[in-house]
Amino acid sequence: MFKSPFSVSQAGEFIQSALNARAVRQDMISSNIANVDTPYYRPRDINFEDVLKKEADKTFGVKGQKLEMAQTAGMHLGSIEDSGRPMPTTFFRDGHMARNDGNSVDLDVEMSEMNKNATMYNALVSAYKKNTAIFSSVLDASRSMQ
């Protein structure tokens, strides 16, 4: 897991969360590839985009509209509030035909997903570097003024 020794901004904290999520997804895709010959293995994936969207909204103060549930009678149950942090969901990726041994891992799909995930990971690393470079340049400029 990616953990910076210090967090310089809200964006930095969000990028760290996104990097950790991408690392988890990379491990899951690697597990699918490792089990390509395991009978009856079903490829797994993780859905964290919705969780990251909620975290981004919370981090940057975006307030979404909340649809309140109407209670037309006093005996109706109330809505369930989200308590704690949202969690990503794991699911089986079953859009492909299973082979004779019941395994439905498609190596081409897994390699494509791995490359997409690696590209997103590298983009996040670049964003994190640029984010920290902004604060470093401000600190350097303030030192030269003294």
C-alpha atoms as a PDB file:
ATOM      1  CA  MET A   1       0.000   0.000   0.000  1.00  0.00           C
ATOM      2  CA  PHE A   2       1.154   3.485  -0.865  1.00  0.00           C
ATOM      3  CA  LYS A   3       1.549   5.701   2.174  1.00  0.00           C
ATOM      4  CA  SER A   4       3.225   9.065   2.048  1.00  0.00           C
ATOM      5  CA  PRO A   5       5.145  10.167   5.154  1.00  0.00           C
ATOM      6  CA  PHE A   6       3.210  13.423   5.042  1.00  0.00           C
ATOM      7  CA  SER A   7       0.163  14.710   3.323  1.00  0.00           C
ATOM      8  CA  VAL A   8       0.491  18.115   1.737  1.00  0.00           C
ATOM      9  CA  SER A   9      -3.097  18.671   0.637  1.00  0.00           C
ATOM     10  CA  GLN A  10      -6.560  17.214   0.370  1.00  0.00           C
ATOM     11  CA  ALA A  11      -5.749  16.222  -3.207  1.00  0.00           C
ATOM     12  CA  GLY A  12      -2.690  14.354  -1.944  1.00  0.00           C
ATOM     13  CA  GLU A  13      -4.782  12.380   0.522  1.00  0.00           C
ATOM     14  CA  PHE A  14      -7.298  11.512  -2.183  1.00  0.00           C
ATOM     15  CA  ILE A  15      -4.551  10.438  -4.594  1.00  0.00           C
ATOM     16  CA  GLN A  16      -3.103   8.185  -1.889  1.00  0.00           C
ATOM     17  CA  SER A  17      -6.506   6.511  -1.479  1.00  0.00           C
ATOM     18  CA  ALA A  18      -6.822   6.062  -5.231  1.00  0.00           C
ATOM     19  CA  LEU A  19      -3.306   4.581  -5.442  1.00  0.00           C
ATOM     20  CA  ASN A  20      -4.145   2.091  -2.696  1.00  0.00           C
ATOM     21  CA  ALA A  21      -7.322   1.079  -4.524  1.00  0.00           C
ATOM     22  CA  ARG A  22      -5.422   0.598  -7.786  1.00  0.00           C
ATOM     23  CA  ALA A  23      -2.861  -1.573  -5.969  1.00  0.00           C
ATOM     24  CA  VAL A  24      -5.651  -3.788  -4.587  1.00  0.00           C
ATOM     25  CA  ARG A  25      -7.150  -4.129  -8.067  1.00  0.00           C
ATOM     26  CA  GLN A  26      -3.737  -5.051  -9.518  1.00  0.00           C
ATOM     27  CA  ASP A  27      -3.428  -7.836  -6.933  1.00  0.00           C
ATOM     28  CA  MET A  28      -6.889  -9.131  -7.797  1.00  0.00           C
ATOM     29  CA  ILE A  29      -6.155  -9.198 -11.541  1.00  0.00           C
ATOM     30  CA  SER A  30      -2.842 -10.940 -10.847  1.00  0.00           C
ATOM     31  CA  SER A  31      -4.736 -13.554  -8.841  1.00  0.00           C
ATOM     32  CA  ASN A  32      -7.072 -14.142 -11.777  1.00  0.00           C
ATOM     33  CA  ILE A  33      -4.105 -14.641 -14.114  1.00  0.00           C
ATOM     34  CA  ALA A  34      -2.427 -16.988 -11.638  1.00  0.00           C
ATOM     35  CA  ASN A  35      -5.589 -19.127 -11.563  1.00  0.00           C
ATOM     36  CA  VAL A  36      -6.012 -19.356 -15.337  1.00  0.00           C
ATOM     37  CA  ASP A  37      -5.604 -23.168 -15.149  1.00  0.00           C
ATOM     38  CA  THR A  38      -7.580 -23.755 -11.931  1.00  0.00           C
ATOM     39  CA  PRO A  39     -10.733 -25.785 -12.620  1.00  0.00           C
ATOM     40  CA  TYR A  40     -14.021 -23.968 -11.890  1.00  0.00           C
ATOM     41  CA  TYR A  41     -12.241 -20.709 -11.058  1.00  0.00           C
ATOM     42  CA  ARG A  42     -14.293 -17.579 -11.705  1.00  0.00           C
ATOM     43  CA  PRO A  43     -12.394 -14.313 -12.242  1.00  0.00           C
ATOM     44  CA  ARG A  44     -12.929 -11.680  -9.575  1.00  0.00           C
ATOM     45  CA  ASP A  45     -12.832  -7.932  -9.844  1.00  0.00           C
ATOM     46  CA  ILE A  46     -13.343  -4.984  -7.557  1.00  0.00           C
ATOM     47  CA  ASN A  47     -15.595  -1.984  -8.061  1.00  0.00           C
ATOM     48  CA  PHE A  48     -14.147   1.010  -6.310  1.00  0.00           C
ATOM     49  CA  GLU A  49     -14.935   3.838  -8.717  1.00  0.00           C
ATOM     50  CA  ASP A  50     -18.174   4.641  -6.868  1.00  0.00           C
ATOM     51  CA  VAL A  51     -16.306   4.594  -3.555  1.00  0.00           C
ATOM     52  CA  LEU A  52     -13.620   6.924  -4.915  1.00  0.00           C
ATOM     53  CA  LYS A  53     -16.317   9.272  -6.222  1.00  0.00           C
ATOM     54  CA  LYS A  54     -17.877   9.423  -2.753  1.00  0.00           C
ATOM     55  CA  GLU A  55     -14.460   9.969  -1.166  1.00  0.00           C
ATOM     56  CA  ALA A  56     -13.671  12.743  -3.661  1.00  0.00           C
ATOM     57  CA  ASP A  57     -16.978  14.434  -2.919  1.00  0.00           C
ATOM     58  CA  LYS A  58     -16.288  14.190   0.810  1.00  0.00           C
ATOM     59  CA  THR A  59     -12.651  15.307   0.514  1.00  0.00           C
ATOM     60  CA  PHE A  60     -13.332  18.311  -1.676  1.00  0.00           C
ATOM     61  CA  GLY A  61     -16.563  19.335   0.024  1.00  0.00           C
ATOM     62  CA  VAL A  62     -18.937  18.576  -2.823  1.00  0.00           C
ATOM     63  CA  LYS A  63     -22.379  18.167  -1.400  1.00  0.00           C
ATOM     64  CA  GLY A  64     -24.632  15.975  -3.465  1.00  0.00           C
ATOM     65  CA  GLN A  65     -28.352  16.177  -3.247  1.00  0.00           C
ATOM     66  CA  LYS A  66     -29.835  13.546  -1.016  1.00  0.00           C
ATOM     67  CA  LEU A  67     -33.226  12.104  -1.749  1.00  0.00           C
ATOM     68  CA  GLU A  68     -35.107  11.727   1.493  1.00  0.00           C
ATOM     69  CA  MET A  69     -37.407   8.766   1.936  1.00  0.00           C
ATOM     70  CA  ALA A  70     -41.003   9.748   2.642  1.00  0.00           C
ATOM     71  CA  GLN A  71     -42.765   8.212   5.621  1.00  0.00           C
ATOM     72  CA  THR A  72     -46.504   8.298   5.069  1.00  0.00           C
ATOM     73  CA  ALA A  73     -47.306   6.495   8.300  1.00  0.00           C
ATOM     74  CA  GLY A  74     -45.692   6.435  11.728  1.00  0.00           C
ATOM     75  CA  MET A  75     -45.120   2.661  11.592  1.00  0.00           C
ATOM     76  CA  HIS A  76     -42.998   2.834   8.412  1.00  0.00           C
ATOM     77  CA  LEU A  77     -39.304   2.137   8.798  1.00  0.00           C
ATOM     78  CA  GLY A  78     -36.930   5.040   8.431  1.00  0.00           C
ATOM     79  CA  SER A  79     -34.010   5.196   6.016  1.00  0.00           C
ATOM     80  CA  ILE A  80     -30.689   3.630   6.899  1.00  0.00           C
ATOM     81  CA  GLU A  81     -27.911   6.178   7.212  1.00  0.00           C
ATOM     82  CA  ASP A  82     -24.439   5.471   5.886  1.00  0.00           C
ATOM     83  CA  SER A  83     -22.242   4.926   8.878  1.00  0.00           C
ATOM     84  CA  GLY A  84     -18.527   4.951   8.324  1.00  0.00           C
ATOM     85  CA  ARG A  85     -16.621   4.848   5.100  1.00  0.00           C
ATOM     86  CA  PRO A  86     -18.015   3.346   1.918  1.00  0.00           C
ATOM     87  CA  MET A  87     -16.402   0.056   0.980  1.00  0.00           C
ATOM     88  CA  PRO A  88     -15.611  -1.238  -2.508  1.00  0.00           C
ATOM     89  CA  THR A  89     -17.504  -4.300  -3.672  1.00  0.00           C
ATOM     90  CA  THR A  90     -15.982  -7.480  -5.008  1.00  0.00           C
ATOM     91  CA  PHE A  91     -17.792  -9.287  -7.787  1.00  0.00           C
ATOM     92  CA  PHE A  92     -17.326 -12.165 -10.222  1.00  0.00           C
ATOM     93  CA  ARG A  93     -16.590 -11.116 -13.799  1.00  0.00           C
ATOM     94  CA  ASP A  94     -18.645 -13.721 -15.645  1.00  0.00           C
ATOM     95  CA  GLY A  95     -19.178 -12.342 -19.124  1.00  0.00           C
ATOM     96  CA  HIS A  96     -17.100 -15.018 -20.807  1.00  0.00           C
ATOM     97  CA  MET A  97     -17.696 -18.603 -21.773  1.00  0.00           C
ATOM     98  CA  ALA A  98     -16.292 -21.165 -19.384  1.00  0.00           C
ATOM     99  CA  ARG A  99     -13.922 -23.734 -20.783  1.00  0.00           C
ATOM    100  CA  ASN A 100     -14.500 -27.477 -20.424  1.00  0.00           C
ATOM    101  CA  ASP A 101     -12.927 -27.396 -16.948  1.00  0.00           C
ATOM    102  CA  GLY A 102     -15.396 -24.693 -15.785  1.00  0.00           C
ATOM    103  CA  ASN A 103     -12.757 -21.943 -15.638  1.00  0.00           C
ATOM    104  CA  SER A 104     -13.959 -18.646 -17.112  1.00  0.00           C
ATOM    105  CA  VAL A 105     -10.726 -16.634 -16.961  1.00  0.00           C
ATOM    106  CA  ASP A 106     -10.015 -14.966 -20.307  1.00  0.00           C
ATOM    107  CA  LEU A 107      -6.306 -14.165 -20.401  1.00  0.00           C
ATOM    108  CA  ASP A 108      -6.772 -11.421 -23.029  1.00  0.00           C
ATOM    109  CA  VAL A 109      -9.364  -9.653 -20.869  1.00  0.00           C
ATOM    110  CA  GLU A 110      -7.201  -9.941 -17.755  1.00  0.00           C
ATOM    111  CA  MET A 111      -4.134  -8.556 -19.530  1.00  0.00           C
ATOM    112  CA  SER A 112      -6.210  -5.696 -20.934  1.00  0.00           C
ATOM    113  CA  GLU A 113      -7.606  -4.892 -17.473  1.00  0.00           C
ATOM    114  CA  MET A 114      -4.108  -5.075 -15.987  1.00  0.00           C
ATOM    115  CA  ASN A 115      -2.766  -2.624 -18.577  1.00  0.00           C
ATOM    116  CA  LYS A 116      -5.670  -0.207 -17.989  1.00  0.00           C
ATOM    117  CA  ASN A 117      -5.120  -0.394 -14.252  1.00  0.00           C
ATOM    118  CA  ALA A 118      -1.359   0.153 -14.612  1.00  0.00           C
ATOM    119  CA  THR A 119      -1.988   3.187 -16.824  1.00  0.00           C
ATOM    120  CA  MET A 120      -4.340   4.682 -14.235  1.00  0.00           C
ATOM    121  CA  TYR A 121      -1.835   3.920 -11.461  1.00  0.00           C
ATOM    122  CA  ASN A 122       0.953   5.680 -13.380  1.00  0.00           C
ATOM    123  CA  ALA A 123      -1.313   8.673 -14.046  1.00  0.00           C
ATOM    124  CA  LEU A 124      -2.056   8.918 -10.321  1.00  0.00           C
ATOM    125  CA  VAL A 125       1.651   8.749  -9.482  1.00  0.00           C
ATOM    126  CA  SER A 126       2.286  11.600 -11.945  1.00  0.00           C
ATOM    127  CA  ALA A 127      -0.540  13.619 -10.419  1.00  0.00           C
ATOM    128  CA  TYR A 128       0.866  13.045  -6.943  1.00  0.00           C
ATOM    129  CA  LYS A 129       4.329  14.169  -8.047  1.00  0.00           C
ATOM    130  CA  LYS A 130       2.888  17.334  -9.592  1.00  0.00           C
ATOM    131  CA  ASN A 131       0.819  17.966  -6.478  1.00  0.00           C
ATOM    132  CA  THR A 132       3.858  17.767  -4.224  1.00  0.00           C
ATOM    133  CA  ALA A 133       5.998  19.754  -6.691  1.00  0.00           C
ATOM    134  CA  ILE A 134       3.618  22.716  -6.358  1.00  0.00           C
ATOM    135  CA  PHE A 135       4.125  22.819  -2.597  1.00  0.00           C
ATOM    136  CA  SER A 136       7.868  22.271  -2.932  1.00  0.00           C
ATOM    137  CA  SER A 137       8.175  25.239  -5.282  1.00  0.00           C
ATOM    138  CA  VAL A 138       6.246  27.436  -2.843  1.00  0.00           C
ATOM    139  CA  LEU A 139       8.555  26.385  -0.005  1.00  0.00           C
ATOM    140  CA  ASP A 140      11.654  26.994  -2.146  1.00  0.00           C
ATOM    141  CA  ALA A 141      10.380  30.426  -3.167  1.00  0.00           C
ATOM    142  CA  SER A 142       9.673  31.388   0.449  1.00  0.00           C
ATOM    143  CA  ARG A 143      13.177  30.295   1.484  1.00  0.00           C
ATOM    144  CA  SER A 144      14.798  32.450  -1.203  1.00  0.00           C
ATOM    145  CA  MET A 145      12.837  35.500  -0.028  1.00  0.00           C
ATOM    146  CA  GLN A 146      14.300  35.353   3.486  1.00  0.00           C
END
